[in-house]
């Protein structure tokens, strides 16, 4: 029942317009976070991702020592700003999946409709993660060991659900492009594997754990879509 409604609501034209409008603040805030991560990494050796995935009080202490009090205050403000980023990426991700899904048929379309709410689930885990991160930032002199671990778990599940949604968008968008241009199936394999490996290589330059997590999700989604759904 719910999936059937997603096939038609909102209307495709309205959905495209809303997604295009949302893409502007989404891109701007994403660029801001990328710049912030690069600045932190190059000046202190520890980025926000290192903080999110610290997992233990000892690792948190290393990050805070490298950051210093001024940087900790700045990252506290930016963590609050992340709530705005969650709003934009949830709407943008769901919009893209619904637009693509409506161009698909059968089981593949249903998979897209099922995957769309994964961005909401990722957003909820992101909210939980931020709550734990703000508790850590607000008590930098003493961090109970459970809080970094809960932040790590929330961040990990957030990444998994985001990776599933993004992998679906990437794989099916390439599929639709190849079909539309009536290209040989060899190009489908090349774009899926070549593009996927290139993205994973870029992520590995940033964080190996993140690369492993995203890579595992991508491989599972790739073979699930290609073999089980036979595209």
Protein backbone atom coordinates (compact mmCIF):
# COMPACT_ATOMS: atom_id res chain seq x y z
CA UNK A 1 0.00 0.00 0.00
CA UNK A 2 2.72 2.43 1.05
CA UNK A 3 4.92 1.43 -1.92
CA UNK A 4 2.04 1.95 -4.33
CA UNK A 5 1.58 5.51 -3.03
CA UNK A 6 5.27 6.28 -3.56
CA UNK A 7 4.87 5.39 -7.24
CA UNK A 8 2.61 8.39 -7.77
CA UNK A 9 2.96 10.73 -4.79
CA UNK A 10 4.22 13.33 -5.05
CA UNK A 11 3.66 13.87 -8.77
CA UNK A 12 6.85 13.28 -10.76
CA UNK A 13 7.03 16.87 -12.05
CA UNK A 14 6.71 18.27 -8.51
CA UNK A 15 9.22 15.69 -7.23
CA UNK A 16 11.81 16.74 -9.82
CA UNK A 17 11.34 20.45 -9.00
CA UNK A 18 11.58 19.86 -5.22
CA UNK A 19 14.68 17.68 -5.64
CA UNK A 20 16.35 20.28 -7.87
CA UNK A 21 15.64 23.04 -5.32
CA UNK A 22 16.91 20.91 -2.42
CA UNK A 23 20.07 20.05 -4.39
CA UNK A 24 21.33 23.66 -4.07
CA UNK A 25 21.58 23.86 -0.25
CA UNK A 26 22.57 20.18 -0.17
CA UNK A 27 25.57 20.80 -2.44
CA UNK A 28 26.56 24.01 -0.60
CA UNK A 29 26.47 22.43 2.86
CA UNK A 30 28.25 19.30 1.57
CA UNK A 31 31.07 21.45 0.14
CA UNK A 32 31.30 23.27 3.49
CA UNK A 33 31.69 19.98 5.39
CA UNK A 34 34.28 18.71 2.89
CA UNK A 35 36.32 21.89 3.34
CA UNK A 36 36.02 21.62 7.13
CA UNK A 37 37.17 17.97 7.03
CA UNK A 38 40.13 18.84 4.78
CA UNK A 39 41.13 21.75 7.02
CA UNK A 40 41.00 19.60 10.17
CA UNK A 41 42.91 16.73 8.57
CA UNK A 42 45.69 18.92 7.21
CA UNK A 43 46.13 21.11 10.31
CA UNK A 44 45.57 18.62 13.16
CA UNK A 45 45.81 15.17 11.58
CA UNK A 46 42.31 14.26 12.80
CA UNK A 47 39.13 14.95 10.87
CA UNK A 48 35.49 14.81 11.96
CA UNK A 49 35.26 11.23 10.72
CA UNK A 50 38.10 10.25 13.07
CA UNK A 51 36.07 11.82 15.88
CA UNK A 52 32.84 10.05 14.88
CA UNK A 53 34.55 6.66 14.64
CA UNK A 54 36.88 7.11 17.63
CA UNK A 55 35.07 4.34 19.55
CA UNK A 56 36.99 4.73 22.84
CA UNK A 57 37.70 7.48 25.39
CA UNK A 58 41.43 7.11 24.71
CA UNK A 59 40.96 7.85 20.99
CA UNK A 60 38.72 10.81 21.85
CA UNK A 61 41.51 12.21 24.03
CA UNK A 62 43.95 11.96 21.11
CA UNK A 63 41.54 13.85 18.83
CA UNK A 64 40.88 16.58 21.42
CA UNK A 65 44.59 17.00 22.18
CA UNK A 66 45.26 17.50 18.47
CA UNK A 67 42.30 19.85 18.00
CA UNK A 68 42.80 22.13 20.99
CA UNK A 69 40.08 24.18 22.80
CA UNK A 70 39.34 26.60 19.96
CA UNK A 71 38.83 23.84 17.41
CA UNK A 72 36.63 21.91 19.85
CA UNK A 73 34.36 24.95 20.22
CA UNK A 74 34.19 25.39 16.46
CA UNK A 75 33.35 21.73 15.85
CA UNK A 76 30.60 21.93 18.48
CA UNK A 77 28.90 24.65 16.42
CA UNK A 78 29.42 22.65 13.22
CA UNK A 79 27.90 19.54 14.85
CA UNK A 80 24.71 21.55 15.48
CA UNK A 81 24.83 22.64 11.83
CA UNK A 82 24.89 18.96 10.87
CA UNK A 83 21.22 18.68 11.85
CA UNK A 84 20.47 20.99 8.91
CA UNK A 85 22.62 18.83 6.65
CA UNK A 86 20.63 15.74 7.70
CA UNK A 87 17.39 17.41 6.62
CA UNK A 88 18.78 18.23 3.18
CA UNK A 89 20.47 14.89 2.42
CA UNK A 90 17.40 12.90 3.48
CA UNK A 91 15.12 14.87 1.13
CA UNK A 92 17.66 14.91 -1.71
CA UNK A 93 18.45 11.19 -1.46
CA UNK A 94 14.81 10.16 -1.29
CA UNK A 95 13.97 12.46 -4.19
CA UNK A 96 16.67 10.95 -6.42
CA UNK A 97 15.68 7.37 -5.62
CA UNK A 98 11.98 8.03 -6.29
CA UNK A 99 12.73 9.78 -9.60
CA UNK A 100 14.91 6.86 -10.74
CA UNK A 101 12.52 4.20 -9.41
CA UNK A 102 9.64 5.58 -11.45
CA UNK A 103 11.67 4.93 -14.59
CA UNK A 104 12.17 1.28 -13.59
CA UNK A 105 9.77 -1.64 -13.60
CA UNK A 106 8.85 -4.72 -11.56
CA UNK A 107 11.08 -5.94 -8.74
CA UNK A 108 13.77 -3.36 -9.45
CA UNK A 109 11.25 -0.54 -9.06
CA UNK A 110 9.96 -2.06 -5.81
CA UNK A 111 13.53 -2.34 -4.53
CA UNK A 112 14.00 1.37 -5.19
CA UNK A 113 10.79 2.25 -3.37
CA UNK A 114 11.86 0.09 -0.41
CA UNK A 115 15.33 1.67 -0.40
CA UNK A 116 14.08 5.29 -0.47
CA UNK A 117 13.17 5.39 3.27
CA UNK A 118 16.69 4.16 4.08
CA UNK A 119 17.77 7.80 3.88
CA UNK A 120 15.33 8.58 6.71
CA UNK A 121 16.76 5.69 8.77
CA UNK A 122 20.29 6.99 8.06
CA UNK A 123 19.16 10.44 9.19
CA UNK A 124 17.80 9.05 12.46
CA UNK A 125 21.11 7.29 13.17
CA UNK A 126 22.87 10.56 12.32
CA UNK A 127 20.73 12.37 14.91
CA UNK A 128 21.66 9.75 17.54
CA UNK A 129 25.30 10.10 16.56
CA UNK A 130 25.18 13.89 16.93
CA UNK A 131 23.56 13.64 20.36
CA UNK A 132 26.45 11.45 21.53
CA UNK A 133 29.06 13.67 19.87
CA UNK A 134 27.64 16.77 21.55
CA UNK A 135 27.73 14.98 24.92
CA UNK A 136 31.42 14.27 24.29
CA UNK A 137 32.15 17.82 23.13
CA UNK A 138 30.35 19.25 26.15
CA UNK A 139 32.36 17.11 28.60
CA UNK A 140 35.79 17.12 27.03
CA UNK A 141 37.60 16.57 30.36
CA UNK A 142 35.77 13.31 31.05
CA UNK A 143 34.15 11.03 28.49
CA UNK A 144 32.37 7.85 29.72
CA UNK A 145 33.56 4.98 27.54
CA UNK A 146 30.01 4.04 26.48
CA UNK A 147 29.33 7.36 24.72
CA UNK A 148 32.10 7.13 22.06
CA UNK A 149 31.05 3.54 21.41
CA UNK A 150 27.40 4.52 20.90
CA UNK A 151 28.55 7.33 18.59
CA UNK A 152 30.64 4.81 16.64
CA UNK A 153 27.69 2.40 16.30
CA UNK A 154 25.34 5.17 15.20
CA UNK A 155 27.88 6.42 12.66
CA UNK A 156 28.46 2.90 11.31
CA UNK A 157 24.75 2.19 10.80
CA UNK A 158 24.30 5.64 9.27
CA UNK A 159 27.05 4.90 6.75
CA UNK A 160 25.57 1.48 5.90
CA UNK A 161 22.08 2.82 5.18
CA UNK A 162 23.45 5.78 3.22
CA UNK A 163 25.71 3.45 1.24
CA UNK A 164 22.75 1.20 0.32
CA UNK A 165 20.77 4.18 -0.97
CA UNK A 166 23.69 5.74 -2.85
CA UNK A 167 24.72 2.37 -4.33
CA UNK A 168 21.19 1.85 -5.65
CA UNK A 169 21.19 5.33 -7.23
CA UNK A 170 24.63 4.81 -8.80
CA UNK A 171 23.98 1.31 -10.17
CA UNK A 172 20.48 1.96 -11.55
CA UNK A 173 21.32 5.41 -12.95
CA UNK A 174 24.13 3.84 -15.01
CA UNK A 175 21.77 1.03 -16.05
CA UNK A 176 19.17 3.55 -17.29
CA UNK A 177 21.83 5.59 -19.10
CA UNK A 178 23.20 2.53 -20.93
CA UNK A 179 19.68 1.38 -21.83
CA UNK A 180 18.67 4.83 -23.06
CA UNK A 181 21.78 5.19 -25.23
CA UNK A 182 21.41 1.56 -26.43
CA UNK A 183 25.01 0.84 -25.55
CA UNK A 184 26.55 -2.63 -25.36
CA UNK A 185 26.30 -4.52 -22.04
CA UNK A 186 30.09 -4.42 -21.80
CA UNK A 187 29.82 -0.69 -21.05
CA UNK A 188 27.42 -1.47 -18.20
CA UNK A 189 30.04 -3.73 -16.60
CA UNK A 190 32.80 -1.19 -17.24
CA UNK A 191 30.91 1.73 -15.70
CA UNK A 192 29.67 -0.28 -12.73
CA UNK A 193 33.01 -1.85 -11.88
CA UNK A 194 35.31 0.96 -13.02
CA UNK A 195 33.21 3.70 -11.46
CA UNK A 196 32.74 1.73 -8.25
CA UNK A 197 36.45 0.98 -7.88
CA UNK A 198 37.39 4.60 -8.58
CA UNK A 199 34.98 5.89 -5.91
CA UNK A 200 36.23 3.32 -3.38
CA UNK A 201 39.83 4.33 -4.14
CA UNK A 202 38.97 7.98 -3.45
CA UNK A 203 37.24 7.02 -0.18
CA UNK A 204 40.24 4.89 0.85
CA UNK A 205 42.43 8.00 0.66
CA UNK A 206 40.13 9.52 3.27
CA UNK A 207 39.43 6.59 5.61
CA UNK A 208 40.12 2.85 5.23
CA UNK A 209 37.29 1.71 7.51
CA UNK A 210 34.80 3.81 5.55
CA UNK A 211 36.15 2.42 2.27
CA UNK A 212 35.76 -1.16 3.54
CA UNK A 213 32.19 -0.54 4.75
CA UNK A 214 31.05 1.19 1.56
CA UNK A 215 32.85 -1.37 -0.61
CA UNK A 216 31.11 -4.29 1.10
CA UNK A 217 27.69 -2.65 0.68
CA UNK A 218 28.39 -1.78 -2.97
CA UNK A 219 29.45 -5.34 -3.87
CA UNK A 220 26.37 -6.83 -2.20
CA UNK A 221 24.03 -4.34 -3.89
CA UNK A 222 25.75 -4.81 -7.26
CA UNK A 223 25.40 -8.61 -7.34
CA UNK A 224 21.96 -8.48 -5.75
CA UNK A 225 20.66 -6.18 -8.49
CA UNK A 226 22.45 -7.87 -11.37
CA UNK A 227 21.94 -11.52 -10.51
CA UNK A 228 18.72 -11.72 -8.53
CA UNK A 229 16.89 -9.07 -10.54
CA UNK A 230 18.71 -10.00 -13.76
CA UNK A 231 19.33 -6.57 -15.25
